[in-house]
Amino acid sequence: MTASCVEVVSGKPSRTPPSYRDVVPGLPAAAGPNGLKAGVPVQARPLRGTQGEDETGRKTDQLAMAALEDIEAFWKEKLPKYFTRAAPFQPVGTLYSYDSRDRDAMACGHTTYNEPNAMYCPREDAIAWDRGLLMPLLDNEFPPIAIVAVFAHEYGHRIQHLAKTADETDPTIVLEQQADCFAGFFIHHVVQGRAKHFQLNSSNGLNTILAAMLALRDTPKAATEDDYEENEHGSGFDRVSAFRMGFAEGADACAKIDKKEIDKRRKGLPIVPDPRLGQDNVPIDRSHIEHYVIASINNFYKDMLPTPPKVTYGGIDKTCPNQKLDPDPHKAPPALYCEATDTVSLDIPALAKIGVPTQEGGVPLQITGDTAAFSIIASRFALAYLKHIGQPRSGLGAGLVGACLAGAWLRSIVGVPGVDVQNKPIILTPGDLDKPTSELLQHGYIAQDVNNQAAPSALTRFNAFRVGVVGPKEVCVKQYPPLA
């Protein structure tokens, strides 16, 4: 985000789930085991490149083989059902395990030194993975099942090849979005408890998968749009959106992803950095919040909320009457809407902590930055709007309206540098949607109701935000009505 000195995703909202505690209709967010099931033997099969591997490498390869066995059992059933014209299903032809630290490592006919990656190679019908750096890193940062999502994504590329939903003539982003979507379709199967080797609960387990998808995003970098598109995998928002499509809507939705569909979702959103924008992270202090952020939010709500709430900057109002706040100070929100006084109170240091930009390099557990903090503020204004129209401010639906309208606000600040300086105090920059996406997956402040309760599923919280980005903003209250 830059101060002036973001995917229109237009479309119809999905059906309201029967419970805001569901991840998708009929699948409640619930605790349970995650990871590899104990005592289930893995089928042995040929694996190339394992010479000289250590114990960590052998563990990684065992996880990989178990994941591939589950994935292939899934697609053996689903491919002929969903893609009747697909080539007959057979297990992938060749498997490579390599160590990207090894100067002599090879896979798919080329060197893999300094390539910490996983890949599907269509010409050889092979899947290869780096057991040396990438897989141990993922297993350490996102245990114990992020590796499965990586293989589900790579196998999604194989499904593209077999089902002919896309090919090498399509832009890279189409191939990657379809693969993310197919991965979501498979992970839904695992969450339902139908996989032989792996188990995944629908709360923190699924949230870990989403965090890994977000972390393995394209980071904004200086490049031309043509250069960027050549190797584009998508922003974190793109990747989680595509994963959600597969998880919630199935393989048919994945097959419909093409350049036109992606462009429709992205219309107007910045993809590559614009040198005219300068810094892409607005400082989190009272001056910038008051003069840029609040001005922008008030402009967004001006037709919906004639009298905006008062804003205070000395910390959240813990004396607000008739609101049930968690007594644990570690769970205190960084922004609070008080119904009794129609006031949004802000904890600037807490917001500043959320707004610290993520350092480049590695695989970050969380994507932080200005728009995460500012979206929390925008969502508190949504509660004031609900009060204005006489709708409940408590309940999970109210929090989801807040997340939805925060997404709609961000979409409203797409602008042109040098043109929108006067009417848009701040303008969205590439990667700005990833920051609130990460906040929704990690904490969910953006989706909290007036009593600081949020829907338990990170995917549900994210989808509300996504619906707002898709727009129009009027859909938010209709999409998330109060439920008994």
Protein backbone atom coordinates (compact mmCIF):
# COMPACT_ATOMS: atom_id res chain seq x y z
CA MET A 1 0.00 0.00 0.00
CA THR A 2 1.19 3.49 -0.67
CA ALA A 3 0.03 6.88 0.46
CA SER A 4 -0.77 9.18 -2.47
CA CYS A 5 1.91 12.38 -1.91
CA VAL A 6 -5.62 -3.70 -5.73
CA GLU A 7 -8.63 -8.66 -8.43
CA VAL A 8 -12.00 -7.23 -9.39
CA VAL A 9 -13.39 -10.44 -8.93
CA SER A 10 -16.87 -9.83 -10.00
CA GLY A 11 -19.31 -12.60 -9.63
CA LYS A 12 -22.16 -14.08 -7.70
CA PRO A 13 -21.72 -14.86 -4.03
CA SER A 14 -21.70 -18.45 -2.95
CA ARG A 15 -24.58 -19.83 -0.93
CA THR A 16 -24.64 -19.02 2.77
CA PRO A 17 -23.52 -22.08 4.73
CA PRO A 18 -25.95 -23.53 7.26
CA SER A 19 -23.49 -22.64 10.02
CA TYR A 20 -20.71 -20.10 10.21
CA ARG A 21 -18.82 -22.74 12.19
CA ASP A 22 -18.56 -24.83 9.02
CA VAL A 23 -15.52 -24.75 6.76
CA VAL A 24 -17.85 -25.56 3.89
CA PRO A 25 -21.50 -26.63 4.22
CA GLY A 26 -21.68 -29.84 6.20
CA LEU A 27 -18.03 -29.81 7.32
CA PRO A 28 -17.64 -28.13 10.73
CA ALA A 29 -14.31 -26.76 11.89
CA ALA A 30 -13.17 -29.33 14.44
CA ALA A 31 -10.05 -30.46 16.25
CA GLY A 32 -8.41 -33.80 15.59
CA PRO A 33 -5.15 -35.49 14.62
CA ASN A 34 -2.91 -34.27 11.83
CA GLY A 35 -0.18 -36.01 9.88
CA LEU A 36 0.87 -39.50 8.97
CA LYS A 37 -1.19 -42.33 10.44
CA ALA A 38 0.84 -44.76 12.52
CA GLY A 39 1.33 -48.35 11.44
CA VAL A 40 0.06 -48.06 7.87
CA PRO A 41 2.59 -49.60 5.47
CA VAL A 42 3.63 -47.64 2.39
CA GLN A 43 3.81 -49.44 -0.92
CA ALA A 44 7.39 -49.76 -2.18
CA ARG A 45 8.14 -48.41 -5.66
CA PRO A 46 11.24 -47.42 -7.63
CA LEU A 47 12.79 -44.10 -6.63
CA ARG A 48 15.75 -42.53 -8.42
CA GLY A 49 18.47 -40.33 -6.96
CA THR A 50 18.64 -41.68 -3.42
CA GLN A 51 22.33 -42.55 -3.41
CA GLY A 52 24.03 -41.28 -0.27
CA GLU A 53 20.91 -39.81 1.34
CA ASP A 54 20.88 -39.31 5.12
CA GLU A 55 18.21 -40.12 7.70
CA THR A 56 16.40 -36.81 7.11
CA GLY A 57 16.29 -37.58 3.40
CA ARG A 58 14.91 -41.05 4.00
CA LYS A 59 12.20 -39.62 6.27
CA THR A 60 11.27 -37.06 3.62
CA ASP A 61 11.12 -39.70 0.91
CA GLN A 62 8.89 -41.90 3.07
CA LEU A 63 6.47 -39.00 3.54
CA ALA A 64 6.58 -38.32 -0.19
CA MET A 65 5.81 -41.93 -1.10
CA ALA A 66 2.91 -42.05 1.37
CA ALA A 67 1.53 -38.78 0.01
CA LEU A 68 1.77 -39.97 -3.59
CA GLU A 69 0.05 -43.25 -2.72
CA ASP A 70 -2.90 -41.33 -1.22
CA ILE A 71 -3.00 -38.85 -4.11
CA GLU A 72 -2.91 -41.54 -6.79
CA ALA A 73 -5.63 -43.59 -5.08
CA PHE A 74 -7.77 -40.44 -5.04
CA TRP A 75 -7.25 -39.55 -8.70
CA LYS A 76 -7.62 -43.15 -9.86
CA GLU A 77 -11.22 -42.84 -8.66
CA LYS A 78 -11.91 -39.19 -9.49
CA LEU A 79 -10.25 -38.73 -12.89
CA PRO A 80 -12.66 -40.93 -14.91
CA LYS A 81 -15.60 -39.56 -12.95
CA TYR A 82 -14.89 -35.88 -13.59
CA PHE A 83 -12.98 -36.08 -16.87
CA THR A 84 -14.56 -38.74 -19.04
CA ARG A 85 -12.28 -37.94 -21.99
CA ALA A 86 -9.09 -38.10 -19.97
CA ALA A 87 -6.37 -40.59 -20.75
CA PRO A 88 -6.70 -43.80 -18.70
CA PHE A 89 -5.20 -43.32 -15.26
CA GLN A 90 -1.87 -44.96 -14.52
CA PRO A 91 0.52 -44.14 -11.66
CA VAL A 92 3.16 -41.54 -12.51
CA GLY A 93 5.96 -43.11 -14.50
CA THR A 94 9.12 -41.98 -12.67
CA LEU A 95 9.94 -40.59 -9.23
CA TYR A 96 13.07 -38.59 -8.44
CA SER A 97 14.40 -37.59 -5.03
CA TYR A 98 17.34 -35.19 -5.14
CA ASP A 99 19.37 -32.98 -2.84
CA SER A 100 19.59 -29.42 -4.16
CA ARG A 101 22.86 -28.98 -2.23
CA ASP A 102 24.52 -31.65 -4.38
CA ARG A 103 26.35 -30.20 -7.41
CA ASP A 104 25.86 -33.49 -9.27
CA ALA A 105 22.12 -33.85 -8.56
CA MET A 106 19.93 -34.52 -11.60
CA ALA A 107 16.21 -34.99 -12.21
CA CYS A 108 14.02 -34.84 -15.29
CA GLY A 109 17.06 -34.61 -17.52
CA HIS A 110 18.62 -31.47 -16.02
CA THR A 111 20.72 -30.40 -13.07
CA THR A 112 18.86 -29.65 -9.85
CA TYR A 113 21.75 -28.06 -7.97
CA ASN A 114 20.46 -24.95 -6.17
CA GLU A 115 16.86 -25.83 -7.15
CA PRO A 116 14.97 -26.29 -3.87
CA ASN A 117 11.75 -27.25 -5.60
CA ALA A 118 9.20 -29.91 -6.41
CA MET A 119 8.07 -30.41 -9.99
CA TYR A 120 6.08 -32.44 -12.48
CA CYS A 121 7.91 -33.17 -15.73
CA PRO A 122 5.32 -34.01 -18.42
CA ARG A 123 7.75 -35.20 -21.11
CA GLU A 124 9.09 -37.89 -18.80
CA ASP A 125 5.87 -38.27 -16.79
CA ALA A 126 7.93 -37.81 -13.64
CA ILE A 127 7.61 -36.11 -10.27
CA ALA A 128 10.76 -34.85 -8.56
CA TRP A 129 11.38 -33.24 -5.19
CA ASP A 130 14.22 -31.74 -3.19
CA ARG A 131 14.75 -33.81 -0.06
CA GLY A 132 17.75 -31.69 0.94
CA LEU A 133 16.32 -28.22 1.61
CA LEU A 134 12.72 -27.63 0.54
CA MET A 135 10.94 -30.61 2.03
CA PRO A 136 12.68 -30.49 5.44
CA LEU A 137 12.01 -26.74 5.56
CA LEU A 138 8.30 -27.22 4.91
CA ASP A 139 8.11 -30.08 7.40
CA ASN A 140 9.79 -27.88 10.00
CA GLU A 141 7.84 -24.66 9.39
CA PHE A 142 4.42 -26.13 8.59
CA PRO A 143 4.31 -29.55 10.26
CA PRO A 144 3.16 -32.15 9.78
CA ILE A 145 1.31 -32.09 6.47
CA ALA A 146 2.38 -29.18 4.25
CA ILE A 147 4.46 -31.62 2.22
CA VAL A 148 1.24 -33.39 1.20
CA ALA A 149 -0.17 -30.14 -0.20
CA VAL A 150 3.00 -29.61 -2.26
CA PHE A 151 2.66 -33.06 -3.83
CA ALA A 152 -1.07 -32.54 -4.35
CA HIS A 153 -0.19 -29.36 -6.27
CA GLU A 154 2.45 -31.07 -8.41
CA TYR A 155 0.09 -33.94 -9.12
CA GLY A 156 -2.45 -31.34 -10.15
CA HIS A 157 -0.12 -30.52 -13.04
CA ARG A 158 -0.21 -34.19 -14.04
CA ILE A 159 -4.01 -34.13 -13.94
CA GLN A 160 -3.94 -31.12 -16.28
CA HIS A 161 -1.87 -33.21 -18.65
CA LEU A 162 -4.12 -36.28 -18.46
CA ALA A 163 -7.42 -34.37 -18.55
CA LYS A 164 -6.16 -31.75 -21.01
CA THR A 165 -7.56 -28.88 -18.93
CA ALA A 166 -4.47 -26.81 -19.83
CA ASP A 167 -1.13 -27.22 -21.57
CA GLU A 168 2.20 -25.48 -22.07
CA THR A 169 0.63 -22.95 -24.43
CA ASP A 170 -1.38 -21.51 -21.53
CA PRO A 171 0.09 -18.78 -19.32
CA THR A 172 1.97 -20.07 -16.30
CA ILE A 173 -0.57 -18.52 -13.94
CA VAL A 174 -3.34 -20.69 -15.45
CA LEU A 175 -1.31 -23.86 -14.92
CA GLU A 176 -0.49 -22.88 -11.35
CA GLN A 177 -3.99 -21.79 -10.37
CA GLN A 178 -5.47 -25.02 -11.70
CA ALA A 179 -2.87 -27.03 -9.78
CA ASP A 180 -3.66 -25.14 -6.56
CA CYS A 181 -7.33 -25.82 -7.17
CA PHE A 182 -6.80 -29.55 -7.75
CA ALA A 183 -4.74 -29.61 -4.54
CA GLY A 184 -7.69 -28.12 -2.67
CA PHE A 185 -9.98 -30.79 -4.10
CA PHE A 186 -7.68 -33.54 -2.81
CA ILE A 187 -7.14 -31.93 0.61
CA HIS A 188 -10.92 -31.84 1.13
CA HIS A 189 -10.82 -35.63 0.69
CA VAL A 190 -8.12 -35.88 3.38
CA VAL A 191 -10.07 -33.66 5.79
CA GLN A 192 -13.07 -35.95 5.33
CA GLY A 193 -10.94 -38.80 6.70
CA ARG A 194 -10.85 -40.79 3.46
CA ALA A 195 -7.09 -40.96 2.85
CA LYS A 196 -5.16 -44.12 3.69
CA HIS A 197 -1.98 -42.60 5.07
CA PHE A 198 -2.68 -39.01 6.10
CA GLN A 199 -5.17 -37.32 8.38
CA LEU A 200 -5.95 -33.62 8.66
CA ASN A 201 -8.41 -31.84 10.92
CA SER A 202 -10.59 -29.01 9.67
CA SER A 203 -9.29 -26.42 12.12
CA ASN A 204 -5.59 -25.92 12.83
CA GLY A 205 -4.56 -28.66 10.40
CA LEU A 206 -6.30 -27.07 7.43
CA ASN A 207 -5.12 -23.65 8.60
CA THR A 208 -1.51 -24.90 8.38
CA ILE A 209 -2.06 -25.94 4.77
CA LEU A 210 -3.45 -22.50 3.95
CA ALA A 211 -0.52 -20.77 5.66
CA ALA A 212 1.90 -22.86 3.59
CA MET A 213 0.06 -21.97 0.37
CA LEU A 214 0.28 -18.31 1.32
CA ALA A 215 3.97 -18.50 2.20
CA LEU A 216 4.85 -20.09 -1.17
CA ARG A 217 3.45 -17.13 -3.08
CA ASP A 218 4.99 -14.87 -5.67
CA THR A 219 6.52 -11.91 -3.84
CA PRO A 220 6.23 -8.49 -5.48
CA LYS A 221 9.43 -7.62 -7.29
CA ALA A 222 10.60 -5.14 -9.85
CA ALA A 223 9.86 -6.56 -13.29
CA THR A 224 7.84 -5.92 -16.38
CA GLU A 225 4.41 -7.53 -16.50
CA ASP A 226 5.57 -9.77 -19.38
CA ASP A 227 8.56 -10.98 -17.35
CA TYR A 228 6.36 -11.55 -14.33
CA GLU A 229 3.72 -13.53 -16.22
CA GLU A 230 6.32 -15.87 -17.71
CA ASN A 231 6.98 -17.50 -14.32
CA GLU A 232 3.95 -16.39 -12.34
CA HIS A 233 2.52 -18.67 -9.65
CA GLY A 234 0.19 -16.08 -8.16
CA SER A 235 -0.03 -13.95 -5.06
CA GLY A 236 -0.95 -15.50 -1.75
CA PHE A 237 -4.49 -14.23 -2.25
CA ASP A 238 -4.57 -15.86 -5.70
CA ARG A 239 -3.26 -19.17 -4.39
CA VAL A 240 -5.58 -19.45 -1.40
CA SER A 241 -8.52 -18.40 -3.61
CA ALA A 242 -7.78 -21.18 -6.11
CA PHE A 243 -7.24 -23.73 -3.33
CA ARG A 244 -10.61 -22.74 -1.84
CA MET A 245 -12.30 -23.24 -5.21
CA GLY A 246 -11.13 -26.85 -5.33
CA PHE A 247 -11.84 -27.49 -1.66
CA ALA A 248 -15.36 -26.02 -1.75
CA GLU A 249 -16.48 -26.52 -5.35
CA GLY A 250 -14.57 -29.53 -6.66
CA ALA A 251 -12.74 -30.48 -9.83
CA ASP A 252 -15.27 -28.91 -12.19
CA ALA A 253 -14.39 -25.47 -10.84
CA CYS A 254 -10.69 -26.18 -11.36
CA ALA A 255 -11.17 -27.10 -15.01
CA LYS A 256 -12.91 -23.77 -15.64
CA ILE A 257 -9.89 -21.73 -14.57
CA ASP A 258 -8.38 -20.06 -17.62
CA LYS A 259 -6.81 -16.70 -18.43
CA LYS A 260 -10.20 -15.09 -18.91
CA GLU A 261 -11.46 -16.32 -15.54
CA ILE A 262 -8.29 -15.16 -13.77
CA ASP A 263 -8.38 -11.76 -15.48
CA LYS A 264 -12.00 -11.38 -14.39
CA ARG A 265 -10.98 -12.06 -10.80
CA ARG A 266 -8.00 -9.74 -11.03
CA LYS A 267 -9.43 -6.90 -13.07
CA GLY A 268 -7.78 -3.70 -11.94
CA LEU A 269 -5.59 -5.19 -9.24
CA PRO A 270 -1.88 -4.31 -9.34
CA ILE A 271 0.35 -7.25 -10.25
CA VAL A 272 3.84 -5.76 -10.61
CA PRO A 273 5.33 -2.85 -8.63
CA ASP A 274 4.93 0.64 -10.06
CA PRO A 275 7.99 2.87 -9.50
CA ARG A 276 5.68 5.89 -9.25
CA LEU A 277 4.26 4.56 -6.00
CA GLY A 278 7.41 4.82 -3.90
CA GLN A 279 7.28 2.93 -0.60
CA ASP A 280 4.74 0.13 -0.46
CA ASN A 281 4.23 0.03 3.32
CA VAL A 282 2.57 3.02 4.98
CA PRO A 283 3.97 3.79 8.46
CA ILE A 284 1.65 2.70 11.28
CA ASP A 285 1.34 5.80 13.44
CA ARG A 286 -1.44 8.15 14.45
CA SER A 287 -0.67 10.72 11.78
CA HIS A 288 -0.79 8.29 8.87
CA ILE A 289 -3.80 6.42 10.22
CA GLU A 290 -5.75 9.60 10.90
CA HIS A 291 -4.95 11.49 7.72
CA TYR A 292 -4.78 8.65 5.21
CA VAL A 293 -6.45 5.48 6.46
CA ILE A 294 -9.43 6.92 8.32
CA ALA A 295 -9.98 9.41 5.50
CA SER A 296 -10.04 6.54 3.00
CA ILE A 297 -12.34 4.37 5.13
CA ASN A 298 -14.75 7.27 5.70
CA ASN A 299 -14.80 7.87 1.95
CA PHE A 300 -15.67 4.19 1.37
CA TYR A 301 -18.52 4.26 3.90
CA LYS A 302 -19.87 7.73 3.10
CA ASP A 303 -22.93 6.45 1.23
CA MET A 304 -23.60 3.72 3.80
CA LEU A 305 -22.80 5.41 7.09
CA PRO A 306 -23.75 9.12 7.13
CA THR A 307 -22.22 9.70 10.57
CA PRO A 308 -18.99 7.74 11.00
CA PRO A 309 -17.94 6.54 14.44
CA LYS A 310 -15.54 8.58 16.53
CA VAL A 311 -11.95 7.31 16.48
CA THR A 312 -9.61 7.39 19.50
CA TYR A 313 -5.90 6.58 19.51
CA GLY A 314 -4.98 5.91 23.15
CA GLY A 315 -5.52 2.16 23.26
CA ILE A 316 -8.66 0.05 23.13
CA ASP A 317 -11.53 1.07 25.43
CA LYS A 318 -11.60 -1.69 28.04
CA THR A 319 -14.38 0.14 29.91
CA CYS A 320 -16.88 -0.19 27.07
CA PRO A 321 -20.15 -1.35 28.70
CA ASN A 322 -22.13 -4.45 27.73
CA GLN A 323 -19.36 -6.03 25.66
CA LYS A 324 -17.82 -9.41 26.49
CA LEU A 325 -14.09 -9.04 26.09
CA ASP A 326 -11.58 -11.78 26.84
CA PRO A 327 -9.88 -10.96 30.17
CA ASP A 328 -6.58 -12.39 28.87
CA PRO A 329 -4.51 -9.31 27.89
CA HIS A 330 -2.65 -11.40 25.29
CA LYS A 331 -5.94 -11.83 23.44
CA ALA A 332 -6.85 -8.15 23.42
CA PRO A 333 -7.69 -6.92 19.92
CA PRO A 334 -5.70 -4.05 18.39
CA ALA A 335 -8.92 -2.20 17.52
CA LEU A 336 -12.33 -2.18 19.20
CA TYR A 337 -15.76 -0.91 18.25
CA CYS A 338 -17.82 0.19 21.28
CA GLU A 339 -21.53 0.18 20.53
CA ALA A 340 -22.49 2.26 23.55
CA THR A 341 -20.35 5.22 22.51
CA ASP A 342 -20.19 4.55 18.76
CA THR A 343 -16.41 4.74 18.99
CA VAL A 344 -13.56 2.86 17.34
CA SER A 345 -10.60 2.79 19.73
CA LEU A 346 -7.15 1.90 18.43
CA ASP A 347 -4.05 0.41 20.04
CA ILE A 348 -1.39 1.97 17.81
CA PRO A 349 1.58 -0.11 19.09
CA ALA A 350 -0.38 -3.35 18.57
CA LEU A 351 -1.41 -2.27 15.08
CA ALA A 352 2.18 -1.27 14.33
CA LYS A 353 3.38 -4.74 15.30
CA ILE A 354 0.92 -6.29 12.84
CA GLY A 355 1.91 -3.72 10.24
CA VAL A 356 5.65 -4.45 10.22
CA PRO A 357 6.48 -5.56 6.66
CA THR A 358 7.62 -9.15 6.17
CA GLN A 359 11.33 -9.47 5.49
CA GLU A 360 12.19 -10.98 2.12
CA GLY A 361 13.81 -14.40 1.97
CA GLY A 362 12.97 -17.83 3.32
CA VAL A 363 9.47 -19.19 3.78
CA PRO A 364 7.66 -16.83 6.18
CA LEU A 365 5.23 -18.27 8.70
CA GLN A 366 3.19 -15.09 8.50
CA ILE A 367 2.89 -12.26 5.96
CA THR A 368 2.69 -8.95 7.80
CA GLY A 369 2.31 -5.38 6.65
CA ASP A 370 0.22 -2.23 6.62
CA THR A 371 -2.97 -3.51 4.98
CA ALA A 372 -3.35 -6.22 7.62
CA ALA A 373 -3.51 -3.54 10.32
CA PHE A 374 -5.67 -1.19 8.27
CA SER A 375 -8.15 -3.94 7.38
CA ILE A 376 -8.73 -4.53 11.08
CA ILE A 377 -9.71 -0.87 11.43
CA ALA A 378 -11.96 -1.00 8.36
CA SER A 379 -13.75 -4.05 9.75
CA ARG A 380 -14.56 -2.18 12.98
CA PHE A 381 -16.30 0.50 10.91
CA ALA A 382 -18.39 -2.33 9.45
CA LEU A 383 -19.79 -3.01 12.93
CA ALA A 384 -20.79 0.66 13.16
CA TYR A 385 -22.53 0.22 9.82
CA LEU A 386 -24.42 -2.83 11.12
CA LYS A 387 -25.58 -0.74 14.08
CA HIS A 388 -26.73 1.98 11.68
CA ILE A 389 -28.91 -0.46 9.69
CA GLY A 390 -30.21 -2.22 12.79
CA GLN A 391 -28.46 -5.55 12.34
CA PRO A 392 -26.77 -7.50 15.16
CA ARG A 393 -23.14 -6.67 15.87
CA SER A 394 -22.59 -9.85 17.87
CA GLY A 395 -22.43 -13.28 16.31
CA LEU A 396 -20.08 -14.86 13.82
CA GLY A 397 -22.06 -13.47 10.88
CA ALA A 398 -21.36 -9.90 12.03
CA GLY A 399 -17.64 -10.63 12.09
CA LEU A 400 -17.80 -12.08 8.59
CA VAL A 401 -19.60 -8.96 7.35
CA GLY A 402 -16.66 -7.02 8.79
CA ALA A 403 -14.14 -9.17 6.90
CA CYS A 404 -16.19 -8.86 3.72
CA LEU A 405 -16.43 -5.08 3.90
CA ALA A 406 -12.72 -4.84 4.71
CA GLY A 407 -12.07 -6.69 1.45
CA ALA A 408 -14.46 -4.38 -0.39
CA TRP A 409 -12.69 -1.34 1.05
CA LEU A 410 -9.31 -2.59 -0.17
CA ARG A 411 -10.79 -3.20 -3.61
CA SER A 412 -12.08 0.38 -3.61
CA ILE A 413 -8.60 1.85 -3.24
CA VAL A 414 -7.24 0.47 -6.48
CA GLY A 415 -5.95 3.58 -8.17
CA VAL A 416 -3.61 5.12 -10.71
CA PRO A 417 -0.51 6.86 -9.31
CA GLY A 418 -0.49 10.55 -10.10
CA VAL A 419 -4.16 10.49 -11.10
CA ASP A 420 -5.93 9.43 -7.92
CA VAL A 421 -3.89 11.49 -5.46
CA GLN A 422 -6.77 13.79 -4.62
CA ASN A 423 -9.65 11.34 -4.22
CA LYS A 424 -7.70 8.32 -2.90
CA PRO A 425 -5.42 9.10 0.04
CA ILE A 426 -3.91 5.60 -0.16
CA ILE A 427 -3.59 3.23 -3.10
CA LEU A 428 -3.28 -0.56 -3.17
CA THR A 429 0.07 -2.00 -4.26
CA PRO A 430 1.08 -5.55 -5.32
CA GLY A 431 0.96 -8.02 -2.44
CA ASP A 432 -1.37 -5.89 -0.32
CA LEU A 433 -4.11 -8.54 -0.30
CA ASP A 434 -1.68 -11.15 1.04
CA LYS A 435 -1.20 -9.26 4.31
CA PRO A 436 -4.86 -9.33 5.49
CA THR A 437 -5.16 -12.86 4.10
CA SER A 438 -2.37 -13.93 6.45
CA GLU A 439 -3.97 -12.09 9.39
CA LEU A 440 -7.25 -13.90 8.74
CA LEU A 441 -5.44 -17.25 8.73
CA GLN A 442 -3.34 -16.50 11.82
CA HIS A 443 -5.53 -14.49 14.21
CA GLY A 444 -8.77 -13.45 12.55
CA TYR A 445 -9.06 -9.98 14.11
CA ILE A 446 -10.51 -8.75 10.82
CA ALA A 447 -13.41 -11.21 11.16
CA GLN A 448 -14.25 -10.61 14.83
CA ASP A 449 -17.67 -9.50 16.00
CA VAL A 450 -18.26 -6.81 18.62
CA ASN A 451 -17.37 -9.29 21.38
CA ASN A 452 -14.16 -10.28 19.56
CA GLN A 453 -15.40 -13.71 18.50
CA ALA A 454 -14.60 -14.98 15.00
CA ALA A 455 -15.61 -17.93 12.85
CA PRO A 456 -13.34 -20.84 13.84
CA SER A 457 -12.37 -21.75 10.28
CA ALA A 458 -9.64 -19.69 8.63
CA LEU A 459 -11.04 -20.69 5.23
CA THR A 460 -14.46 -19.31 6.19
CA ARG A 461 -12.89 -16.07 7.37
CA PHE A 462 -10.81 -15.79 4.21
CA ASN A 463 -13.79 -16.48 1.99
CA ALA A 464 -15.73 -13.60 3.54
CA PHE A 465 -12.80 -11.31 2.77
CA ARG A 466 -12.60 -12.73 -0.77
CA VAL A 467 -16.31 -12.10 -1.35
CA GLY A 468 -15.72 -8.45 -0.45
CA VAL A 469 -12.81 -8.18 -2.86
CA VAL A 470 -15.00 -9.78 -5.53
CA GLY A 471 -17.71 -7.25 -4.81
CA PRO A 472 -19.92 -5.45 -5.00
CA LYS A 473 -19.84 -4.30 -1.39
CA GLU A 474 -23.63 -4.53 -1.13
CA VAL A 475 -23.36 -8.32 -1.21
CA CYS A 476 -21.64 -8.53 2.19
CA VAL A 477 -24.70 -8.12 4.41
CA LYS A 478 -26.77 -10.40 2.15
CA GLN A 479 -24.08 -13.07 2.14
CA TYR A 480 -23.72 -13.18 5.92
CA PRO A 481 -27.10 -12.56 7.59
CA PRO A 482 -27.53 -13.17 11.33
CA LEU A 483 -28.08 -16.83 12.17
CA ALA A 484 -29.84 -18.13 15.24
